[in-house]
PDB file of N, CA and C in Angstrom:
ATOM      1  N   MET A   1      31.745 -77.753 -68.441  1.00  0.00           N
ATOM      2  CA  MET A   1      30.416 -78.033 -68.946  1.00  0.00           C
ATOM      3  C   MET A   1      30.491 -79.258 -69.845  1.00  0.00           C
ATOM      4  N   LEU A   2      29.634 -80.219 -69.616  1.00  0.00           N
ATOM      5  CA  LEU A   2      29.565 -81.391 -70.459  1.00  0.00           C
ATOM      6  C   LEU A   2      28.459 -81.190 -71.471  1.00  0.00           C
ATOM      7  N   THR A   3      28.815 -81.245 -72.726  1.00  0.00           N
ATOM      8  CA  THR A   3      27.803 -81.094 -73.762  1.00  0.00           C
ATOM      9  C   THR A   3      28.325 -81.632 -75.080  1.00  0.00           C
ATOM     10  N   SER A   4      27.418 -82.096 -75.897  1.00  0.00           N
ATOM     11  CA  SER A   4      27.784 -82.475 -77.254  1.00  0.00           C
ATOM     12  C   SER A   4      27.228 -81.446 -78.239  1.00  0.00           C
ATOM     13  N   GLN A   5      26.647 -80.383 -77.700  1.00  0.00           N
ATOM     14  CA  GLN A   5      26.103 -79.310 -78.526  1.00  0.00           C
ATOM     15  C   GLN A   5      27.231 -78.407 -79.012  1.00  0.00           C
ATOM     16  N   SER A   6      27.103 -77.875 -80.199  1.00  0.00           N
ATOM     17  CA  SER A   6      28.134 -76.991 -80.730  1.00  0.00           C
ATOM     18  C   SER A   6      28.130 -75.638 -80.031  1.00  0.00           C
ATOM     19  N   ASP A   7      26.972 -75.193 -79.591  1.00  0.00           N
ATOM     20  CA  ASP A   7      26.877 -73.926 -78.877  1.00  0.00           C
ATOM     21  C   ASP A   7      26.603 -74.187 -77.398  1.00  0.00           C
ATOM     22  N   PRO A   8      27.323 -73.501 -76.497  1.00  0.00           N
ATOM     23  CA  PRO A   8      27.052 -73.695 -75.064  1.00  0.00           C
ATOM     24  C   PRO A   8      25.649 -73.220 -74.707  1.00  0.00           C
ATOM     25  N   ILE A   9      25.093 -73.847 -73.690  1.00  0.00           N
ATOM     26  CA  ILE A   9      23.755 -73.493 -73.215  1.00  0.00           C
ATOM     27  C   ILE A   9      23.893 -72.902 -71.823  1.00  0.00           C
ATOM     28  N   THR A  10      23.338 -71.722 -71.640  1.00  0.00           N
ATOM     29  CA  THR A  10      23.411 -71.051 -70.347  1.00  0.00           C
ATOM     30  C   THR A  10      22.062 -71.150 -69.646  1.00  0.00           C
ATOM     31  N   LEU A  11      22.114 -71.486 -68.364  1.00  0.00           N
ATOM     32  CA  LEU A  11      20.891 -71.542 -67.565  1.00  0.00           C
ATOM     33  C   LEU A  11      21.001 -70.538 -66.433  1.00  0.00           C
ATOM     34  N   SER A  12      20.017 -69.734 -66.296  1.00  0.00           N
ATOM     35  CA  SER A  12      19.952 -68.797 -65.183  1.00  0.00           C
ATOM     36  C   SER A  12      18.504 -68.351 -65.034  1.00  0.00           C
ATOM     37  N   ASP A  13      18.261 -67.569 -63.999  1.00  0.00           N
ATOM     38  CA  ASP A  13      16.886 -67.128 -63.775  1.00  0.00           C
ATOM     39  C   ASP A  13      16.413 -66.136 -64.836  1.00  0.00           C
ATOM     40  N   SER A  14      17.344 -65.594 -65.633  1.00  0.00           N
ATOM     41  CA  SER A  14      16.949 -64.636 -66.662  1.00  0.00           C
ATOM     42  C   SER A  14      16.955 -65.254 -68.063  1.00  0.00           C
ATOM     43  N   CYS A  15      17.221 -66.556 -68.170  1.00  0.00           N
ATOM     44  CA  CYS A  15      17.271 -67.210 -69.485  1.00  0.00           C
ATOM     45  C   CYS A  15      15.977 -67.972 -69.758  1.00  0.00           C
ATOM     46  N   ASP A  16      15.703 -68.155 -71.036  1.00  0.00           N
ATOM     47  CA  ASP A  16      14.569 -68.963 -71.451  1.00  0.00           C
ATOM     48  C   ASP A  16      14.954 -70.432 -71.291  1.00  0.00           C
ATOM     49  N   CYS A  17      14.239 -71.164 -70.484  1.00  0.00           N
ATOM     50  CA  CYS A  17      14.567 -72.560 -70.213  1.00  0.00           C
ATOM     51  C   CYS A  17      13.925 -73.510 -71.218  1.00  0.00           C
ATOM     52  N   GLY A  18      13.228 -72.969 -72.195  1.00  0.00           N
ATOM     53  CA  GLY A  18      12.575 -73.808 -73.198  1.00  0.00           C
ATOM     54  C   GLY A  18      13.564 -74.687 -73.941  1.00  0.00           C
ATOM     55  N   LYS A  19      14.720 -74.141 -74.290  1.00  0.00           N
ATOM     56  CA  LYS A  19      15.717 -74.898 -75.042  1.00  0.00           C
ATOM     57  C   LYS A  19      16.230 -76.082 -74.218  1.00  0.00           C
ATOM     58  N   ILE A  20      16.516 -75.852 -72.955  1.00  0.00           N
ATOM     59  CA  ILE A  20      17.002 -76.946 -72.124  1.00  0.00           C
ATOM     60  C   ILE A  20      15.914 -77.990 -71.909  1.00  0.00           C
ATOM     61  N   ALA A  21      14.679 -77.556 -71.772  1.00  0.00           N
ATOM     62  CA  ALA A  21      13.563 -78.505 -71.623  1.00  0.00           C
ATOM     63  C   ALA A  21      13.457 -79.378 -72.870  1.00  0.00           C
ATOM     64  N   ASP A  22      13.624 -78.778 -74.046  1.00  0.00           N
ATOM     65  CA  ASP A  22      13.597 -79.543 -75.297  1.00  0.00           C
ATOM     66  C   ASP A  22      14.747 -80.539 -75.347  1.00  0.00           C
ATOM     67  N   LEU A  23      15.931 -80.117 -74.899  1.00  0.00           N
ATOM     68  CA  LEU A  23      17.089 -81.020 -74.902  1.00  0.00           C
ATOM     69  C   LEU A  23      16.902 -82.176 -73.920  1.00  0.00           C
ATOM     70  N   ILE A  24      16.321 -81.887 -72.779  1.00  0.00           N
ATOM     71  CA  ILE A  24      16.060 -82.950 -71.804  1.00  0.00           C
ATOM     72  C   ILE A  24      15.050 -83.942 -72.374  1.00  0.00           C
ATOM     73  N   ALA A  25      14.012 -83.428 -73.000  1.00  0.00           N
ATOM     74  CA  ALA A  25      13.008 -84.301 -73.618  1.00  0.00           C
ATOM     75  C   ALA A  25      13.644 -85.161 -74.703  1.00  0.00           C
ATOM     76  N   GLU A  26      14.517 -84.564 -75.511  1.00  0.00           N
ATOM     77  CA  GLU A  26      15.211 -85.301 -76.577  1.00  0.00           C
ATOM     78  C   GLU A  26      16.084 -86.408 -75.968  1.00  0.00           C
ATOM     79  N   PHE A  27      16.804 -86.076 -74.892  1.00  0.00           N
ATOM     80  CA  PHE A  27      17.650 -87.058 -74.217  1.00  0.00           C
ATOM     81  C   PHE A  27      16.812 -88.210 -73.668  1.00  0.00           C
ATOM     82  N   CYS A  28      15.713 -87.883 -72.990  1.00  0.00           N
ATOM     83  CA  CYS A  28      14.856 -88.911 -72.407  1.00  0.00           C
ATOM     84  C   CYS A  28      14.295 -89.840 -73.479  1.00  0.00           C
ATOM     85  N   LYS A  29      13.903 -89.258 -74.598  1.00  0.00           N
ATOM     86  CA  LYS A  29      13.358 -90.051 -75.693  1.00  0.00           C
ATOM     87  C   LYS A  29      14.446 -90.946 -76.287  1.00  0.00           C
ATOM     88  N   SER A  30      15.639 -90.397 -76.520  1.00  0.00           N
ATOM     89  CA  SER A  30      16.718 -91.184 -77.130  1.00  0.00           C
ATOM     90  C   SER A  30      17.199 -92.297 -76.200  1.00  0.00           C
ATOM     91  N   GLN A  31      17.042 -92.113 -74.892  1.00  0.00           N
ATOM     92  CA  GLN A  31      17.461 -93.126 -73.920  1.00  0.00           C
ATOM     93  C   GLN A  31      16.299 -94.042 -73.513  1.00  0.00           C
ATOM     94  N   ASP A  32      15.159 -93.843 -74.148  1.00  0.00           N
ATOM     95  CA  ASP A  32      13.959 -94.635 -73.879  1.00  0.00           C
ATOM     96  C   ASP A  32      13.594 -94.619 -72.392  1.00  0.00           C
ATOM     97  N   LEU A  33      13.663 -93.427 -71.796  1.00  0.00           N
ATOM     98  CA  LEU A  33      13.323 -93.266 -70.387  1.00  0.00           C
ATOM     99  C   LEU A  33      11.816 -93.076 -70.245  1.00  0.00           C
ATOM    100  N   SER A  34      11.275 -93.626 -69.180  1.00  0.00           N
ATOM    101  CA  SER A  34       9.827 -93.521 -68.968  1.00  0.00           C
ATOM    102  C   SER A  34       9.469 -92.129 -68.463  1.00  0.00           C
ATOM    103  N   GLU A  35       8.188 -91.829 -68.536  1.00  0.00           N
ATOM    104  CA  GLU A  35       7.681 -90.558 -68.040  1.00  0.00           C
ATOM    105  C   GLU A  35       7.841 -90.513 -66.522  1.00  0.00           C
ATOM    106  N   PRO A  36       7.970 -89.320 -65.949  1.00  0.00           N
ATOM    107  CA  PRO A  36       8.061 -89.234 -64.479  1.00  0.00           C
ATOM    108  C   PRO A  36       6.810 -89.816 -63.834  1.00  0.00           C
ATOM    109  N   ARG A  37       6.986 -90.494 -62.718  1.00  0.00           N
ATOM    110  CA  ARG A  37       5.847 -91.088 -62.032  1.00  0.00           C
ATOM    111  C   ARG A  37       5.084 -90.004 -61.263  1.00  0.00           C
ATOM    112  N   ASP A  38       3.842 -90.299 -60.984  1.00  0.00           N
ATOM    113  CA  ASP A  38       3.007 -89.371 -60.225  1.00  0.00           C
ATOM    114  C   ASP A  38       3.640 -89.085 -58.873  1.00  0.00           C
ATOM    115  N   GLY A  39       3.617 -87.832 -58.459  1.00  0.00           N
ATOM    116  CA  GLY A  39       4.127 -87.441 -57.162  1.00  0.00           C
ATOM    117  C   GLY A  39       5.639 -87.284 -57.098  1.00  0.00           C
ATOM    118  N   TRP A  40       6.307 -87.271 -58.257  1.00  0.00           N
ATOM    119  CA  TRP A  40       7.779 -87.146 -58.244  1.00  0.00           C
ATOM    120  C   TRP A  40       8.223 -85.869 -57.545  1.00  0.00           C
ATOM    121  N   ASP A  41       7.403 -84.827 -57.695  1.00  0.00           N
ATOM    122  CA  ASP A  41       7.763 -83.538 -57.111  1.00  0.00           C
ATOM    123  C   ASP A  41       7.684 -83.538 -55.586  1.00  0.00           C
ATOM    124  N   LYS A  42       6.980 -84.505 -55.020  1.00  0.00           N
ATOM    125  CA  LYS A  42       6.883 -84.594 -53.562  1.00  0.00           C
ATOM    126  C   LYS A  42       8.182 -85.124 -52.947  1.00  0.00           C
ATOM    127  N   GLU A  43       9.025 -85.753 -53.771  1.00  0.00           N
ATOM    128  CA  GLU A  43      10.268 -86.343 -53.279  1.00  0.00           C
ATOM    129  C   GLU A  43      11.436 -85.357 -53.291  1.00  0.00           C
ATOM    130  N   ILE A  44      11.216 -84.174 -53.842  1.00  0.00           N
ATOM    131  CA  ILE A  44      12.274 -83.172 -53.879  1.00  0.00           C
ATOM    132  C   ILE A  44      12.431 -82.589 -52.486  1.00  0.00           C
ATOM    133  N   LYS A  45      13.660 -82.589 -52.018  1.00  0.00           N
ATOM    134  CA  LYS A  45      13.924 -82.052 -50.678  1.00  0.00           C
ATOM    135  C   LYS A  45      14.314 -80.587 -50.801  1.00  0.00           C
ATOM    136  N   ASP A  46      13.817 -79.823 -49.873  1.00  0.00           N
ATOM    137  CA  ASP A  46      14.130 -78.401 -49.838  1.00  0.00           C
ATOM    138  C   ASP A  46      15.215 -78.173 -48.796  1.00  0.00           C
ATOM    139  N   TYR A  47      16.273 -77.519 -49.191  1.00  0.00           N
ATOM    140  CA  TYR A  47      17.379 -77.222 -48.281  1.00  0.00           C
ATOM    141  C   TYR A  47      17.508 -75.712 -48.121  1.00  0.00           C
ATOM    142  N   PRO A  48      16.650 -75.119 -47.278  1.00  0.00           N
ATOM    143  CA  PRO A  48      16.703 -73.668 -47.124  1.00  0.00           C
ATOM    144  C   PRO A  48      18.000 -73.190 -46.478  1.00  0.00           C
ATOM    145  N   ASN A  49      18.645 -74.067 -45.709  1.00  0.00           N
ATOM    146  CA  ASN A  49      19.877 -73.691 -45.023  1.00  0.00           C
ATOM    147  C   ASN A  49      21.076 -74.406 -45.627  1.00  0.00           C
ATOM    148  N   LEU A  50      21.113 -74.494 -46.946  1.00  0.00           N
ATOM    149  CA  LEU A  50      22.182 -75.219 -47.622  1.00  0.00           C
ATOM    150  C   LEU A  50      23.546 -74.630 -47.309  1.00  0.00           C
ATOM    151  N   THR A  51      23.663 -73.315 -47.246  1.00  0.00           N
ATOM    152  CA  THR A  51      24.932 -72.678 -46.921  1.00  0.00           C
ATOM    153  C   THR A  51      25.367 -73.076 -45.524  1.00  0.00           C
ATOM    154  N   GLU A  52      24.430 -73.080 -44.594  1.00  0.00           N
ATOM    155  CA  GLU A  52      24.731 -73.493 -43.219  1.00  0.00           C
ATOM    156  C   GLU A  52      25.194 -74.950 -43.193  1.00  0.00           C
ATOM    157  N   TRP A  53      24.539 -75.798 -43.992  1.00  0.00           N
ATOM    158  CA  TRP A  53      24.902 -77.208 -44.054  1.00  0.00           C
ATOM    159  C   TRP A  53      26.331 -77.372 -44.569  1.00  0.00           C
ATOM    160  N   PHE A  54      26.689 -76.647 -45.653  1.00  0.00           N
ATOM    161  CA  PHE A  54      28.050 -76.722 -46.196  1.00  0.00           C
ATOM    162  C   PHE A  54      29.073 -76.189 -45.202  1.00  0.00           C
ATOM    163  N   ASP A  55      28.730 -75.130 -44.481  1.00  0.00           N
ATOM    164  CA  ASP A  55      29.641 -74.600 -43.459  1.00  0.00           C
ATOM    165  C   ASP A  55      29.890 -75.644 -42.378  1.00  0.00           C
ATOM    166  N   LYS A  56      28.833 -76.321 -41.940  1.00  0.00           N
ATOM    167  CA  LYS A  56      28.983 -77.360 -40.922  1.00  0.00           C
ATOM    168  C   LYS A  56      29.824 -78.510 -41.468  1.00  0.00           C
ATOM    169  N   LEU A  57      29.591 -78.883 -42.714  1.00  0.00           N
ATOM    170  CA  LEU A  57      30.365 -79.955 -43.336  1.00  0.00           C
ATOM    171  C   LEU A  57      31.847 -79.603 -43.374  1.00  0.00           C
ATOM    172  N   LYS A  58      32.159 -78.358 -43.716  1.00  0.00           N
ATOM    173  CA  LYS A  58      33.543 -77.911 -43.770  1.00  0.00           C
ATOM    174  C   LYS A  58      34.188 -77.990 -42.392  1.00  0.00           C
ATOM    175  N   VAL A  59      33.465 -77.549 -41.372  1.00  0.00           N
ATOM    176  CA  VAL A  59      33.988 -77.607 -40.006  1.00  0.00           C
ATOM    177  C   VAL A  59      34.241 -79.062 -39.608  1.00  0.00           C
ATOM    178  N   ASP A  60      33.278 -79.931 -39.917  1.00  0.00           N
ATOM    179  CA  ASP A  60      33.442 -81.350 -39.581  1.00  0.00           C
ATOM    180  C   ASP A  60      34.633 -81.960 -40.310  1.00  0.00           C
ATOM    181  N   LEU A  61      34.788 -81.639 -41.588  1.00  0.00           N
ATOM    182  CA  LEU A  61      35.927 -82.161 -42.356  1.00  0.00           C
ATOM    183  C   LEU A  61      37.244 -81.636 -41.798  1.00  0.00           C
ATOM    184  N   ASP A  62      37.294 -80.345 -41.518  1.00  0.00           N
ATOM    185  CA  ASP A  62      38.516 -79.770 -40.949  1.00  0.00           C
ATOM    186  C   ASP A  62      38.873 -80.463 -39.634  1.00  0.00           C
ATOM    187  N   LYS A  63      37.866 -80.677 -38.793  1.00  0.00           N
ATOM    188  CA  LYS A  63      38.090 -81.320 -37.497  1.00  0.00           C
ATOM    189  C   LYS A  63      38.603 -82.744 -37.695  1.00  0.00           C
ATOM    190  N   ASN A  64      37.949 -83.496 -38.589  1.00  0.00           N
ATOM    191  CA  ASN A  64      38.349 -84.882 -38.830  1.00  0.00           C
ATOM    192  C   ASN A  64      39.750 -84.967 -39.422  1.00  0.00           C
ATOM    193  N   LEU A  65      40.067 -84.067 -40.344  1.00  0.00           N
ATOM    194  CA  LEU A  65      41.404 -84.079 -40.929  1.00  0.00           C
ATOM    195  C   LEU A  65      42.455 -83.739 -39.882  1.00  0.00           C
ATOM    196  N   THR A  66      42.160 -82.754 -39.050  1.00  0.00           N
ATOM    197  CA  THR A  66      43.093 -82.364 -37.997  1.00  0.00           C
ATOM    198  C   THR A  66      43.327 -83.536 -37.046  1.00  0.00           C
ATOM    199  N   GLU A  67      42.234 -84.195 -36.634  1.00  0.00           N
ATOM    200  CA  GLU A  67      42.362 -85.344 -35.736  1.00  0.00           C
ATOM    201  C   GLU A  67      43.111 -86.487 -36.404  1.00  0.00           C
ATOM    202  N   SER A  68      42.836 -86.730 -37.693  1.00  0.00           N
ATOM    203  CA  SER A  68      43.502 -87.813 -38.415  1.00  0.00           C
ATOM    204  C   SER A  68      44.998 -87.581 -38.516  1.00  0.00           C
ATOM    205  N   PHE A  69      45.375 -86.356 -38.867  1.00  0.00           N
ATOM    206  CA  PHE A  69      46.784 -86.077 -39.085  1.00  0.00           C
ATOM    207  C   PHE A  69      47.536 -85.764 -37.799  1.00  0.00           C
ATOM    208  N   SER A  70      46.830 -85.503 -36.714  1.00  0.00           N
ATOM    209  CA  SER A  70      47.536 -85.220 -35.465  1.00  0.00           C
ATOM    210  C   SER A  70      48.276 -86.464 -34.993  1.00  0.00           C
ATOM    211  N   GLY A  71      47.705 -87.644 -35.219  1.00  0.00           N
ATOM    212  CA  GLY A  71      48.379 -88.893 -34.873  1.00  0.00           C
ATOM    213  C   GLY A  71      49.643 -89.081 -35.680  1.00  0.00           C
ATOM    214  N   GLU A  72      49.574 -88.810 -36.986  1.00  0.00           N
ATOM    215  CA  GLU A  72      50.749 -88.929 -37.843  1.00  0.00           C
ATOM    216  C   GLU A  72      51.801 -87.894 -37.464  1.00  0.00           C
ATOM    217  N   ALA A  73      51.351 -86.691 -37.160  1.00  0.00           N
ATOM    218  CA  ALA A  73      52.295 -85.632 -36.792  1.00  0.00           C
ATOM    219  C   ALA A  73      53.029 -86.009 -35.506  1.00  0.00           C
ATOM    220  N   LYS A  74      52.291 -86.586 -34.542  1.00  0.00           N
ATOM    221  CA  LYS A  74      52.911 -86.994 -33.285  1.00  0.00           C
ATOM    222  C   LYS A  74      53.921 -88.106 -33.538  1.00  0.00           C
ATOM    223  N   LEU A  75      53.569 -89.065 -34.383  1.00  0.00           N
ATOM    224  CA  LEU A  75      54.465 -90.162 -34.712  1.00  0.00           C
ATOM    225  C   LEU A  75      55.734 -89.656 -35.391  1.00  0.00           C
ATOM    226  N   ILE A  76      55.579 -88.727 -36.315  1.00  0.00           N
ATOM    227  CA  ILE A  76      56.744 -88.144 -36.999  1.00  0.00           C
ATOM    228  C   ILE A  76      57.629 -87.416 -36.001  1.00  0.00           C
ATOM    229  N   GLU A  77      56.995 -86.665 -35.129  1.00  0.00           N
ATOM    230  CA  GLU A  77      57.751 -85.921 -34.119  1.00  0.00           C
ATOM    231  C   GLU A  77      58.531 -86.881 -33.216  1.00  0.00           C
ATOM    232  N   GLU A  78      57.897 -87.973 -32.783  1.00  0.00           N
ATOM    233  CA  GLU A  78      58.574 -88.955 -31.944  1.00  0.00           C
ATOM    234  C   GLU A  78      59.725 -89.633 -32.693  1.00  0.00           C
ATOM    235  N   THR A  79      59.491 -89.968 -33.968  1.00  0.00           N
ATOM    236  CA  THR A  79      60.522 -90.619 -34.775  1.00  0.00           C
ATOM    237  C   THR A  79      61.722 -89.700 -34.972  1.00  0.00           C
ATOM    238  N   VAL A  80      61.470 -88.447 -35.263  1.00  0.00           N
ATOM    239  CA  VAL A  80      62.546 -87.482 -35.431  1.00  0.00           C
ATOM    240  C   VAL A  80      63.311 -87.334 -34.120  1.00  0.00           C
ATOM    241  N   GLY A  81      62.585 -87.311 -32.991  1.00  0.00           N
ATOM    242  CA  GLY A  81      63.230 -87.224 -31.681  1.00  0.00           C
ATOM    243  C   GLY A  81      64.140 -88.411 -31.428  1.00  0.00           C
ATOM    244  N   GLU A  82      63.646 -89.614 -31.753  1.00  0.00           N
ATOM    245  CA  GLU A  82      64.454 -90.822 -31.576  1.00  0.00           C
ATOM    246  C   GLU A  82      65.687 -90.802 -32.473  1.00  0.00           C
ATOM    247  N   LEU A  83      65.518 -90.361 -33.712  1.00  0.00           N
ATOM    248  CA  LEU A  83      66.665 -90.297 -34.632  1.00  0.00           C
ATOM    249  C   LEU A  83      67.686 -89.283 -34.144  1.00  0.00           C
ATOM    250  N   ASN A  84      67.215 -88.180 -33.609  1.00  0.00           N
ATOM    251  CA  ASN A  84      68.144 -87.169 -33.074  1.00  0.00           C
ATOM    252  C   ASN A  84      68.882 -87.720 -31.857  1.00  0.00           C
ATOM    253  N   GLU A  85      68.194 -88.507 -31.020  1.00  0.00           N
ATOM    254  CA  GLU A  85      68.845 -89.092 -29.850  1.00  0.00           C
ATOM    255  C   GLU A  85      69.933 -90.072 -30.277  1.00  0.00           C
ATOM    256  N   ARG A  86      69.641 -90.868 -31.324  1.00  0.00           N
ATOM    257  CA  ARG A  86      70.622 -91.826 -31.826  1.00  0.00           C
ATOM    258  C   ARG A  86      71.834 -91.125 -32.416  1.00  0.00           C
ATOM    259  N   LYS A  87      71.535 -89.983 -33.076  1.00  0.00           N
ATOM    260  CA  LYS A  87      72.602 -89.222 -33.716  1.00  0.00           C
ATOM    261  C   LYS A  87      73.563 -88.655 -32.672  1.00  0.00           C
ATOM    262  N   ASP A  88      73.026 -88.242 -31.541  1.00  0.00           N
ATOM    263  CA  ASP A  88      73.851 -87.654 -30.476  1.00  0.00           C
ATOM    264  C   ASP A  88      74.615 -88.739 -29.816  1.00  0.00           C
TER     265      ASP A  88
END
C-alpha cells in the first residue's frame, strides 16, 4: 500500500468511502488538478468478463512463452548433441 498517512486506509464495499473521497479531493487540490470534465463517466469501460479476459491472457502468455523457449530448448539440445558427438 502506498500512503503517506500514519493510519492505513481500507476500502471495501462495507467501508465508509467518505474518508478516501476527502483524501482524493485534498490530493487534487494540492496538485492543482482541474475538475472532471462533463461526461467523464461515459468513458469508463465495463469489463463484465474480466476473469475470462485474464484467463485468456494467461493462456496466450503461456503459449507465447512455450513457443519462444521451444526454439532455445531445441538449440540447446542440438548443441549438447554436437558436444557429445565430439566427446565420443
